[in-house]
Amino acid sequence: MARRPLPRILSNGTAQIAKSRELARTAADSATDVLHPLITVTRGLRRLAAAGRRKWAATPKDRRGPLLFLVASVVLIVALVPYGPLLAVITVMAAAAWTGRERTPPPATGPDEAQTGRLQSLYDALVPYFSAADDPAPLYAHGGDWEKAFTSHEFDDDGRISRLLIHYPAYFTDGEPDSRARIEQLLHAKSGRGREYHFDWDEEGNELTVTVLPPLPTDIAAQRFVTAPGETVLGFTDPGDVQRTLPLTHGEERRDVPPVVWRTGVRSTEPHLLITGEPGTGTTTLLRSIALQGLQYGDVVVVDGGGTGEYACLTGREGVLAVECSTGGALASLEWAAHETERRLIAANRARQAGHPAPDDIRNPLWILLDRPSALGHLAAADGRKDPQSLLQIPLRHGRAAGVTVVIAEHLENLDFIGDAVRQHTRARVVLGAASAAQLEAVLGAPPHTTPTRDVPPGRGYARLGTGPVLRLQVPATPDPFDDATSEAQRRAVLGLLPERTTPGDAAEQVPSEVAGVAGGAVAEG
């Protein structure tokens, strides 16, 4: 049987209902405008009647009789006077209209005197950059009106600009980074220092939107994030920059926060990560957070070049193959990692040629976490040994196909000691702490769209995954649980994520037999 078309009332019923609602809303608004005087008078009569009742209730009983006689006399006199009833009605209506008027003062629609002064000062500061001598109708001129240039503006409770829409002439060179940087620096200085500003350039419409960004949350502790295998949460960013949120717990409170998710594995375009920052900015904290997340699905090898013992909580845990601080142990672990990468590649290739799935012993991801390789390089050179970074070439080059991920953390002042292989293959970058715009662009490959501040909390910085945008980042608090300065709540949070402890013998059994002789000493020390 041929399908019958739906009745017209069912096929376009939604549109008719929406149109009917719009017509009803328009009619109600029109009726309210027309009947506004009547509504005001009715409200006033009701208020006068309520005032009369309150007056009658407050009058003593022995005085109510004379009061009634006085009211009756007034009514009689008004009735006998020519045009008295008409004048009385007019008087009552006028009193009702006055009493029923809206007494709420209208909200202020424009900036006050101080805010106007701020806008005018900002306009005058932009005149040298947005004006030309041969412009017949300049938008920016000395003594000009700021209202034509600033069409939208918002202020915070302190009277400082929180959002501003700026129109600029079409001949301004908004496509040049230096021109943009000068304008952004000027707006940052004139709008108030100590805050982070986001600059959104609309080159098509010749508009610049300046927005003050709220501070990122710093109270997010380490926890088990809701992610898929191959996803690692580096930290959290602004809601408008990512299209995903994660449910988090903060004590008894639950909330959704937008994360910066780094994807690793065979299909990842940024299989390795480079973390940098000044001392005390949270690079070790981020490395510890990545280690806790990596242990959920794979194995971890930690090489602590600084030798500070920040990773002692991982020693002897299930899935932790080694935690090395010495030069010899670090070289042995990295050499084992290189052989393990080759073994995984060979095993995967043989399985594909035979038409079989990958073996079980190469499916678990392997994480190589290296903190401060420059310090290890200096120690190795003093002992006449090779640089540990040279052993990372195979895991960096073939790690994506073999399921091996390399994460390197180095101080910002020691980036010159990072080898070319590390720079070439670590396309995911994180910069923590206060850094200049030039330093951020040199590490991330692109300048951020916000103004970095001088004073930032630990774990605060920027992240860029490959060729993606530069995102603000706040690392979750993952301190060393053995540190005396760690709070009890954060200590319990980190200890709750650690795997169970195993004996050195159990840990040695996890190393493949092909390379057990190479890494035996490293695993035994871990």
Protein backbone atom coordinates (compact mmCIF):
# COMPACT_ATOMS: atom_id res chain seq x y z
CA MET A 1 0.00 0.00 0.00
CA ALA A 2 1.19 3.51 -0.77
CA ARG A 3 1.93 5.64 2.24
CA ARG A 4 -0.57 8.36 2.90
CA PRO A 5 0.85 11.78 3.67
CA LEU A 6 0.36 13.06 7.16
CA PRO A 7 -2.50 15.50 7.67
CA ARG A 8 -1.46 19.09 7.23
CA ILE A 9 -2.33 19.92 10.81
CA LEU A 10 0.14 17.26 12.01
CA SER A 11 2.96 18.00 9.56
CA ASN A 12 3.19 21.71 10.28
CA GLY A 13 1.50 21.81 13.64
CA THR A 14 4.66 22.86 15.47
CA ALA A 15 5.12 25.91 13.26
CA GLN A 16 1.47 26.92 13.73
CA ILE A 17 1.73 26.56 17.49
CA ALA A 18 4.89 28.67 17.60
CA LYS A 19 3.24 31.30 15.40
CA SER A 20 0.14 31.32 17.61
CA ARG A 21 2.27 31.79 20.71
CA GLU A 22 4.08 34.69 19.09
CA LEU A 23 0.79 36.33 18.12
CA ALA A 24 -0.59 35.85 21.63
CA ARG A 25 2.57 37.33 23.15
CA THR A 26 2.38 40.34 20.80
CA ALA A 27 -1.30 40.87 21.59
CA ALA A 28 -0.62 40.69 25.32
CA ASP A 29 2.17 43.25 25.04
CA SER A 30 -0.03 45.59 23.02
CA ALA A 31 -2.90 45.24 25.49
CA THR A 32 -0.56 45.97 28.37
CA ASP A 33 0.60 49.18 26.68
CA VAL A 34 -2.96 50.30 25.95
CA LEU A 35 -4.32 49.44 29.39
CA HIS A 36 -1.31 50.76 31.30
CA PRO A 37 -3.17 53.90 32.60
CA LEU A 38 -6.11 51.79 33.74
CA ILE A 39 -3.77 49.35 35.46
CA THR A 40 -2.00 52.22 37.22
CA VAL A 41 -5.29 53.77 38.44
CA THR A 42 -6.59 50.39 39.61
CA ARG A 43 -3.36 49.76 41.52
CA GLY A 44 -3.66 53.21 43.12
CA LEU A 45 -7.29 52.64 44.16
CA ARG A 46 -6.29 49.37 45.74
CA ARG A 47 -3.46 51.05 47.65
CA LEU A 48 -5.80 53.89 48.79
CA ALA A 49 -8.39 51.38 49.96
CA ALA A 50 -5.72 49.46 51.87
CA ALA A 51 -4.51 52.72 53.46
CA GLY A 52 -8.11 53.55 54.47
CA ARG A 53 -8.59 50.15 56.07
CA ARG A 54 -5.34 50.51 58.01
CA LYS A 55 -6.43 53.99 59.17
CA TRP A 56 -9.84 52.69 60.27
CA ALA A 57 -8.27 49.75 62.15
CA ALA A 58 -5.83 52.10 63.92
CA THR A 59 -8.64 54.50 65.02
CA PRO A 60 -9.91 53.90 68.62
CA LYS A 61 -13.52 52.73 68.88
CA ASP A 62 -14.60 55.82 70.83
CA ARG A 63 -13.45 58.05 67.93
CA ARG A 64 -14.95 56.10 65.06
CA GLY A 65 -18.40 57.75 65.43
CA PRO A 66 -17.13 61.35 65.09
CA LEU A 67 -14.92 60.21 62.18
CA LEU A 68 -17.93 58.76 60.34
CA PHE A 69 -19.90 62.00 60.98
CA LEU A 70 -16.99 64.04 59.56
CA VAL A 71 -16.78 61.86 56.43
CA ALA A 72 -20.55 62.04 55.87
CA SER A 73 -20.46 65.85 56.23
CA VAL A 74 -17.69 66.13 53.64
CA VAL A 75 -19.62 63.89 51.24
CA LEU A 76 -22.78 65.99 51.73
CA ILE A 77 -20.95 69.25 51.12
CA VAL A 78 -19.30 67.87 47.96
CA ALA A 79 -22.69 66.68 46.68
CA LEU A 80 -24.28 70.13 47.21
CA VAL A 81 -21.45 72.14 45.64
CA PRO A 82 -21.86 72.74 41.87
CA TYR A 83 -19.71 70.23 39.91
CA GLY A 84 -18.68 68.78 43.25
CA PRO A 85 -19.09 65.08 42.38
CA LEU A 86 -17.14 65.54 39.12
CA LEU A 87 -14.31 67.36 40.90
CA ALA A 88 -14.27 64.66 43.60
CA VAL A 89 -13.98 61.89 41.01
CA ILE A 90 -11.18 63.75 39.23
CA THR A 91 -9.36 64.26 42.53
CA VAL A 92 -9.70 60.59 43.51
CA MET A 93 -8.49 59.44 40.07
CA ALA A 94 -5.49 61.77 40.23
CA ALA A 95 -4.61 60.55 43.72
CA ALA A 96 -4.99 56.94 42.58
CA ALA A 97 -2.76 57.54 39.55
CA TRP A 98 -0.09 59.15 41.72
CA THR A 99 -0.29 56.39 44.32
CA GLY A 100 -0.25 53.56 41.74
CA ARG A 101 2.80 54.75 39.80
CA GLU A 102 5.90 52.53 39.57
CA ARG A 103 8.16 53.57 42.42
CA THR A 104 11.20 51.43 41.44
CA PRO A 105 13.86 53.72 39.99
CA PRO A 106 14.89 52.75 36.46
CA PRO A 107 18.28 51.05 36.22
CA ALA A 108 21.21 53.00 34.95
CA THR A 109 21.56 52.54 31.19
CA GLY A 110 24.96 54.10 30.61
CA PRO A 111 28.38 54.36 32.23
CA ASP A 112 28.89 56.72 35.11
CA GLU A 113 31.36 59.57 35.17
CA ALA A 114 34.35 57.44 36.25
CA GLN A 115 33.62 54.77 33.65
CA THR A 116 33.20 57.40 30.94
CA GLY A 117 36.59 58.79 31.90
CA ARG A 118 38.15 55.34 31.53
CA LEU A 119 36.63 54.86 28.08
CA GLN A 120 37.70 58.31 26.92
CA SER A 121 41.26 57.73 28.18
CA LEU A 122 41.42 54.39 26.36
CA TYR A 123 40.08 56.03 23.19
CA ASP A 124 42.71 58.79 23.33
CA ALA A 125 45.45 56.18 23.80
CA LEU A 126 44.35 54.33 20.65
CA VAL A 127 44.28 57.44 18.45
CA PRO A 128 47.98 57.26 17.36
CA TYR A 129 47.52 53.62 16.27
CA PHE A 130 44.10 53.78 14.59
CA SER A 131 44.33 57.13 12.80
CA ALA A 132 45.88 58.39 9.55
CA ALA A 133 46.61 61.93 8.43
CA ASP A 134 44.83 61.55 5.06
CA ASP A 135 41.66 59.93 6.44
CA PRO A 136 38.74 62.21 5.42
CA ALA A 137 36.39 60.84 8.11
CA PRO A 138 38.59 59.48 10.90
CA LEU A 139 37.02 57.13 13.41
CA TYR A 140 39.81 57.97 15.85
CA ALA A 141 40.86 61.60 16.26
CA HIS A 142 42.18 63.78 19.07
CA GLY A 143 39.20 65.08 20.99
CA GLY A 144 36.87 62.63 19.22
CA ASP A 145 33.88 60.74 20.57
CA TRP A 146 34.53 57.27 21.99
CA GLU A 147 30.91 56.14 21.55
CA LYS A 148 31.42 55.60 17.81
CA ALA A 149 34.44 53.35 18.36
CA PHE A 150 33.29 51.45 21.47
CA THR A 151 29.81 50.14 20.68
CA SER A 152 29.63 47.65 23.56
CA HIS A 153 31.21 47.81 26.99
CA GLU A 154 30.84 46.15 30.39
CA PHE A 155 32.38 46.92 33.77
CA ASP A 156 33.03 44.82 36.86
CA ASP A 157 32.19 45.71 40.46
CA ASP A 158 35.43 47.68 40.81
CA GLY A 159 34.60 49.91 37.87
CA ARG A 160 37.20 48.36 35.58
CA ILE A 161 36.49 47.24 32.04
CA SER A 162 35.47 43.57 31.83
CA ARG A 163 34.38 43.44 28.17
CA LEU A 164 34.83 45.87 25.31
CA LEU A 165 33.98 45.78 21.59
CA ILE A 166 36.32 48.02 19.61
CA HIS A 167 35.81 49.09 16.00
CA TYR A 168 38.94 50.08 14.10
CA PRO A 169 39.51 51.43 10.56
CA ALA A 170 39.97 49.01 7.69
CA TYR A 171 43.44 50.29 6.84
CA PHE A 172 44.88 49.11 10.19
CA THR A 173 47.34 46.27 9.63
CA ASP A 174 45.54 43.72 11.77
CA GLY A 175 47.17 40.86 9.86
CA GLU A 176 50.65 41.65 11.20
CA PRO A 177 51.56 40.09 14.57
CA ASP A 178 53.61 43.11 15.63
CA SER A 179 50.69 45.50 15.08
CA ARG A 180 48.37 43.26 17.05
CA ALA A 181 50.89 42.90 19.86
CA ARG A 182 51.19 46.69 20.25
CA ILE A 183 47.41 47.09 20.54
CA GLU A 184 47.09 44.19 22.98
CA GLN A 185 49.89 45.53 25.14
CA LEU A 186 48.29 48.98 25.21
CA LEU A 187 44.84 47.63 26.11
CA HIS A 188 46.34 45.47 28.83
CA ALA A 189 48.11 48.45 30.38
CA LYS A 190 45.19 50.88 30.14
CA SER A 191 42.42 48.48 31.18
CA GLY A 192 44.13 47.29 34.36
CA ARG A 193 47.09 45.04 35.01
CA GLY A 194 47.01 41.84 37.01
CA ARG A 195 44.21 40.30 34.94
CA GLU A 196 44.18 38.03 31.90
CA TYR A 197 42.59 39.44 28.75
CA HIS A 198 41.39 37.51 25.74
CA PHE A 199 41.66 39.25 22.36
CA ASP A 200 39.37 38.12 19.54
CA TRP A 201 40.29 39.79 16.24
CA ASP A 202 37.59 39.87 13.56
CA GLU A 203 39.54 40.91 10.47
CA GLU A 204 36.46 40.74 8.26
CA GLY A 205 34.39 43.10 10.36
CA ASN A 206 37.31 45.24 11.63
CA GLU A 207 36.36 44.53 15.22
CA LEU A 208 38.34 43.58 18.30
CA THR A 209 36.60 42.04 21.31
CA VAL A 210 38.50 42.34 24.59
CA THR A 211 37.29 40.07 27.40
CA VAL A 212 38.62 39.67 30.93
CA LEU A 213 39.01 35.96 31.66
CA PRO A 214 38.07 34.61 35.09
CA PRO A 215 40.80 32.73 36.96
CA LEU A 216 40.94 29.00 36.37
CA PRO A 217 39.98 26.79 39.34
CA THR A 218 42.96 25.80 41.48
CA ASP A 219 41.08 23.57 43.94
CA ILE A 220 40.78 20.52 41.67
CA ALA A 221 42.64 17.63 43.29
CA ALA A 222 43.95 14.45 41.70
CA GLN A 223 41.19 11.93 41.03
CA ARG A 224 40.13 9.25 38.59
CA PHE A 225 39.00 11.13 35.50
CA VAL A 226 36.28 9.76 33.24
CA THR A 227 38.36 9.16 30.10
CA ALA A 228 38.80 6.45 27.50
CA PRO A 229 42.00 4.43 27.04
CA GLY A 230 44.58 6.58 25.29
CA GLU A 231 43.24 9.84 26.77
CA THR A 232 45.19 11.81 29.35
CA VAL A 233 43.93 14.90 31.14
CA LEU A 234 46.67 17.52 31.25
CA GLY A 235 44.55 20.03 33.12
CA PHE A 236 41.56 22.29 32.77
CA THR A 237 40.85 25.35 30.64
CA ASP A 238 38.13 27.88 29.72
CA PRO A 239 34.64 26.58 28.82
CA GLY A 240 34.56 28.29 25.42
CA ASP A 241 37.80 26.75 24.15
CA VAL A 242 36.84 23.05 24.25
CA GLN A 243 33.65 21.17 23.44
CA ARG A 244 33.78 18.71 26.31
CA THR A 245 33.39 18.65 30.09
CA LEU A 246 34.36 16.12 32.72
CA PRO A 247 32.38 15.39 35.89
CA LEU A 248 34.62 16.03 38.88
CA THR A 249 34.23 15.69 42.63
CA HIS A 250 35.42 18.31 45.10
CA GLY A 251 34.62 16.97 48.54
CA GLU A 252 30.87 16.41 48.47
CA GLU A 253 30.40 18.82 45.58
CA ARG A 254 30.13 17.68 41.96
CA ARG A 255 30.70 19.90 38.96
CA ASP A 256 31.57 19.74 35.26
CA VAL A 257 34.86 21.31 34.16
CA PRO A 258 36.26 21.63 30.61
CA PRO A 259 39.48 19.58 30.31
CA VAL A 260 42.54 19.66 28.06
CA VAL A 261 42.67 16.06 26.83
CA TRP A 262 45.83 14.73 25.20
CA ARG A 263 45.30 11.64 23.05
CA THR A 264 48.08 9.09 22.59
CA GLY A 265 48.34 5.78 20.79
CA VAL A 266 48.48 4.56 17.21
CA ARG A 267 46.12 7.20 15.82
CA SER A 268 47.54 10.11 17.75
CA THR A 269 49.04 13.03 15.84
CA GLU A 270 50.96 14.23 18.92
CA PRO A 271 52.31 11.01 20.48
CA HIS A 272 54.92 12.66 22.76
CA LEU A 273 54.85 15.60 25.17
CA LEU A 274 57.34 18.27 26.27
CA ILE A 275 56.70 20.13 29.55
CA THR A 276 58.70 23.19 30.54
CA GLY A 277 58.58 25.98 33.08
CA GLU A 278 60.50 27.71 35.81
CA PRO A 279 61.36 25.78 39.01
CA GLY A 280 58.36 25.51 41.32
CA THR A 281 55.75 26.06 38.60
CA GLY A 282 54.35 22.51 38.66
CA THR A 283 56.22 20.57 35.95
CA THR A 284 56.88 17.68 38.35
CA THR A 285 53.26 17.81 39.50
CA LEU A 286 52.03 17.41 35.92
CA LEU A 287 54.47 14.55 35.33
CA ARG A 288 53.20 12.83 38.49
CA SER A 289 49.60 13.33 37.36
CA ILE A 290 50.37 11.78 33.97
CA ALA A 291 52.06 8.83 35.70
CA LEU A 292 48.97 8.14 37.83
CA GLN A 293 46.73 8.23 34.76
CA GLY A 294 49.12 6.08 32.70
CA LEU A 295 49.19 3.37 35.37
CA GLN A 296 45.47 2.85 34.91
CA TYR A 297 45.98 1.18 31.51
CA GLY A 298 49.73 0.57 31.09
CA ASP A 299 53.27 0.45 32.52
CA VAL A 300 55.49 3.34 33.53
CA VAL A 301 59.24 3.94 33.63
CA VAL A 302 60.27 7.06 35.57
CA VAL A 303 63.70 8.69 35.29
CA ASP A 304 64.23 11.49 37.82
CA GLY A 305 67.14 13.58 36.54
CA GLY A 306 66.87 16.06 39.38
CA GLY A 307 67.30 13.35 42.01
CA THR A 308 64.90 15.07 44.42
CA GLY A 309 62.87 11.95 45.24
CA GLU A 310 59.60 13.47 44.00
CA TYR A 311 58.55 10.09 42.59
CA ALA A 312 59.30 7.92 45.61
CA CYS A 313 55.59 7.24 46.04
CA LEU A 314 55.67 5.25 42.77
CA THR A 315 58.51 2.93 43.81
CA GLY A 316 57.48 -0.72 44.02
CA ARG A 317 53.96 -0.11 42.72
CA GLU A 318 52.24 -2.46 40.31
CA GLY A 319 52.90 -1.33 36.74
CA VAL A 320 55.91 0.83 37.69
CA LEU A 321 58.85 -0.91 36.02
CA ALA A 322 61.52 1.44 37.38
CA VAL A 323 62.03 4.70 39.24
CA GLU A 324 65.63 5.76 38.59
CA CYS A 325 67.65 8.68 39.96
CA SER A 326 71.23 7.59 39.25
CA THR A 327 72.99 7.99 35.91
CA GLY A 328 73.70 4.26 35.52
CA GLY A 329 70.16 3.26 36.33
CA ALA A 330 68.74 5.92 34.00
CA LEU A 331 70.91 4.76 31.10
CA ALA A 332 69.96 1.12 31.73
CA SER A 333 66.23 1.93 31.86
CA LEU A 334 66.30 4.06 28.71
CA GLU A 335 68.35 1.41 26.87
CA TRP A 336 65.78 -1.18 27.89
CA ALA A 337 63.01 1.15 26.66
CA ALA A 338 64.72 1.42 23.26
CA HIS A 339 65.01 -2.40 23.00
CA GLU A 340 61.41 -2.78 24.16
CA THR A 341 60.24 -0.40 21.44
CA GLU A 342 62.09 -2.46 18.80
CA ARG A 343 60.66 -5.71 20.21
CA ARG A 344 57.13 -4.32 20.08
CA LEU A 345 57.60 -3.20 16.49
CA ILE A 346 58.91 -6.60 15.41
CA ALA A 347 56.11 -8.46 17.22
CA ALA A 348 53.43 -6.19 15.73
CA ASN A 349 54.89 -6.57 12.24
CA ARG A 350 54.99 -10.36 12.49
CA ALA A 351 51.40 -10.46 13.73
CA ARG A 352 50.20 -8.28 10.84
CA GLN A 353 52.03 -10.39 8.27
CA ALA A 354 50.47 -13.55 9.69
CA GLY A 355 47.04 -11.98 9.80
CA HIS A 356 46.78 -12.27 13.58
CA PRO A 357 45.93 -9.60 16.18
CA ALA A 358 48.73 -7.99 18.13
CA PRO A 359 50.11 -10.13 20.99
CA ASP A 360 48.90 -9.42 24.49
CA ASP A 361 52.36 -8.43 25.77
CA ILE A 362 52.53 -5.39 23.48
CA ARG A 363 48.99 -4.08 23.89
CA ASN A 364 49.56 -2.32 27.19
CA PRO A 365 50.92 1.21 26.65
CA LEU A 366 54.41 1.95 27.91
CA TRP A 367 55.10 5.39 29.37
CA ILE A 368 58.64 6.78 29.61
CA LEU A 369 58.66 9.79 31.95
CA LEU A 370 61.92 11.73 32.01
CA ASP A 371 62.32 14.67 34.39
CA ARG A 372 65.22 17.10 33.78
CA PRO A 373 67.28 15.25 31.17
CA SER A 374 69.81 18.11 31.06
CA ALA A 375 71.01 17.27 34.60
CA LEU A 376 71.50 13.64 33.61
CA GLY A 377 73.35 14.73 30.49
CA HIS A 378 75.85 16.73 32.53
CA LEU A 379 76.45 13.84 34.91
CA ALA A 380 76.82 11.36 32.06
CA ALA A 381 79.33 13.63 30.30
CA ALA A 382 81.35 13.96 33.49
CA ASP A 383 81.50 10.14 33.79
CA GLY A 384 82.41 9.72 30.13
CA ARG A 385 79.09 8.13 29.20
CA LYS A 386 76.70 8.92 26.39
CA ASP A 387 73.86 11.39 26.74
CA PRO A 388 70.62 9.68 27.90
CA GLN A 389 68.70 11.71 25.30
CA SER A 390 70.43 9.73 22.55
CA LEU A 391 68.63 6.61 23.78
CA LEU A 392 65.25 8.30 23.24
CA GLN A 393 65.53 8.48 19.45
CA ILE A 394 63.98 5.05 18.85
CA PRO A 395 61.04 5.50 21.32
CA LEU A 396 60.42 8.99 19.95
CA ARG A 397 60.57 7.94 16.30
CA HIS A 398 58.66 4.65 16.52
CA GLY A 399 56.79 5.03 19.79
CA ARG A 400 53.42 5.75 18.24
CA ALA A 401 53.38 2.46 16.29
CA ALA A 402 54.76 0.51 19.25
CA GLY A 403 52.48 1.97 21.91
CA VAL A 404 55.33 3.82 23.66
CA THR A 405 54.79 7.39 24.87
CA VAL A 406 57.60 9.70 25.95
CA VAL A 407 56.98 12.64 28.29
CA ILE A 408 59.88 14.99 29.06
CA ALA A 409 59.92 17.79 31.64
CA GLU A 410 62.68 20.39 31.60
CA HIS A 411 63.25 23.80 33.14
CA LEU A 412 62.75 26.76 30.87
CA GLU A 413 66.33 28.01 31.19
CA ASN A 414 67.73 24.60 30.17
CA LEU A 415 65.81 24.15 26.92
CA ASP A 416 68.98 24.79 24.94
CA PHE A 417 70.26 21.41 26.16
CA ILE A 418 67.27 19.59 24.67
CA GLY A 419 68.29 17.58 21.60
CA ASP A 420 66.90 17.99 18.11
CA ALA A 421 65.18 14.60 18.22
CA VAL A 422 63.19 15.62 21.28
CA ARG A 423 62.23 18.97 19.75
CA GLN A 424 61.16 17.36 16.50
CA HIS A 425 58.97 14.59 17.90
CA THR A 426 57.36 16.32 20.92
CA ARG A 427 54.57 18.15 19.11
CA ALA A 428 52.44 18.45 22.24
CA ARG A 429 53.80 21.24 24.43
CA VAL A 430 53.02 22.67 27.88
CA VAL A 431 54.53 25.81 29.41
CA LEU A 432 53.86 26.43 33.12
CA GLY A 433 54.49 29.51 35.20
CA ALA A 434 55.07 33.15 34.31
CA ALA A 435 56.65 33.35 30.85
CA SER A 436 56.94 36.19 28.39
CA ALA A 437 55.05 36.22 25.11
CA ALA A 438 58.30 35.59 23.21
CA GLN A 439 59.10 32.52 25.33
CA LEU A 440 55.59 31.15 24.90
CA GLU A 441 55.74 31.58 21.14
CA ALA A 442 59.20 29.99 20.96
CA VAL A 443 58.06 26.85 22.83
CA LEU A 444 54.47 26.53 21.66
CA GLY A 445 55.03 27.72 18.09
CA ALA A 446 52.24 30.32 18.29
CA PRO A 447 51.48 33.24 20.61
CA PRO A 448 48.59 32.90 23.05
CA HIS A 449 45.45 34.97 22.58
CA THR A 450 45.62 36.10 26.19
CA THR A 451 47.97 38.30 28.15
CA PRO A 452 50.12 36.29 30.59
CA THR A 453 50.34 37.68 34.11
CA ARG A 454 53.36 37.87 36.38
CA ASP A 455 51.91 36.19 39.46
CA VAL A 456 50.32 32.82 38.70
CA PRO A 457 49.53 29.88 41.00
CA PRO A 458 51.51 26.63 40.68
CA GLY A 459 50.35 24.48 37.79
CA ARG A 460 49.07 27.43 35.77
CA GLY A 461 50.23 27.87 32.18
CA TYR A 462 49.46 27.21 28.53
CA ALA A 463 49.16 24.09 26.39
CA ARG A 464 49.16 23.44 22.67
CA LEU A 465 48.57 20.07 21.06
CA GLY A 466 50.19 19.96 17.64
CA THR A 467 48.85 22.72 15.41
CA GLY A 468 45.82 23.37 17.59
CA PRO A 469 45.04 26.58 19.46
CA VAL A 470 46.97 27.74 22.50
CA LEU A 471 44.84 26.99 25.57
CA ARG A 472 45.05 28.22 29.11
CA LEU A 473 45.85 25.35 31.47
CA GLN A 474 45.53 24.61 35.17
CA VAL A 475 47.11 21.33 36.26
CA PRO A 476 45.19 19.29 38.88
CA ALA A 477 46.84 19.34 42.28
CA THR A 478 48.95 16.15 42.47
CA PRO A 479 51.59 16.80 45.17
CA ASP A 480 54.08 14.37 46.61
CA PRO A 481 52.16 12.46 49.33
CA PHE A 482 55.39 12.05 51.32
CA ASP A 483 56.00 15.80 51.49
CA ASP A 484 55.30 17.36 54.89
CA ALA A 485 53.77 20.44 53.23
CA THR A 486 51.06 18.37 51.55
CA SER A 487 47.62 18.66 53.09
CA GLU A 488 45.91 15.57 54.43
CA ALA A 489 43.11 15.71 51.85
CA GLN A 490 45.50 15.91 48.91
CA ARG A 491 47.70 13.19 50.40
CA ARG A 492 44.74 10.82 50.64
CA ALA A 493 43.67 11.71 47.10
CA VAL A 494 47.08 10.81 45.63
CA LEU A 495 47.53 7.67 47.73
CA GLY A 496 44.06 6.49 46.69
CA LEU A 497 45.13 6.55 43.02
CA LEU A 498 48.37 4.61 43.50
CA PRO A 499 48.36 0.90 42.55
CA GLU A 500 49.13 -1.75 45.12
CA ARG A 501 52.72 -2.34 46.15
CA THR A 502 54.57 -5.38 44.77
CA THR A 503 57.83 -7.07 45.73
CA PRO A 504 60.95 -6.45 43.63
CA GLY A 505 60.62 -9.99 42.37
CA ASP A 506 57.10 -9.36 41.12
CA ALA A 507 58.28 -6.22 39.42
CA ALA A 508 61.13 -8.04 37.72
CA GLU A 509 58.75 -10.61 36.29
CA GLN A 510 56.92 -7.87 34.37
CA VAL A 511 60.01 -7.14 32.25
CA PRO A 512 60.05 -9.18 29.01
CA SER A 513 62.58 -11.98 28.96
CA GLU A 514 64.33 -10.65 25.85
CA VAL A 515 65.58 -7.56 27.68
CA ALA A 516 65.50 -8.70 31.30
CA GLY A 517 69.27 -8.81 31.41
CA VAL A 518 69.55 -5.20 30.26
CA ALA A 519 67.02 -3.76 32.66
CA GLY A 520 67.39 -6.14 35.58
CA GLY A 521 69.50 -3.75 37.60
CA ALA A 522 67.20 -0.81 36.91
CA VAL A 523 64.07 -2.69 37.94
CA ALA A 524 65.65 -4.10 41.05
CA GLU A 525 66.65 -0.62 42.20
CA GLY A 526 63.08 0.65 41.52
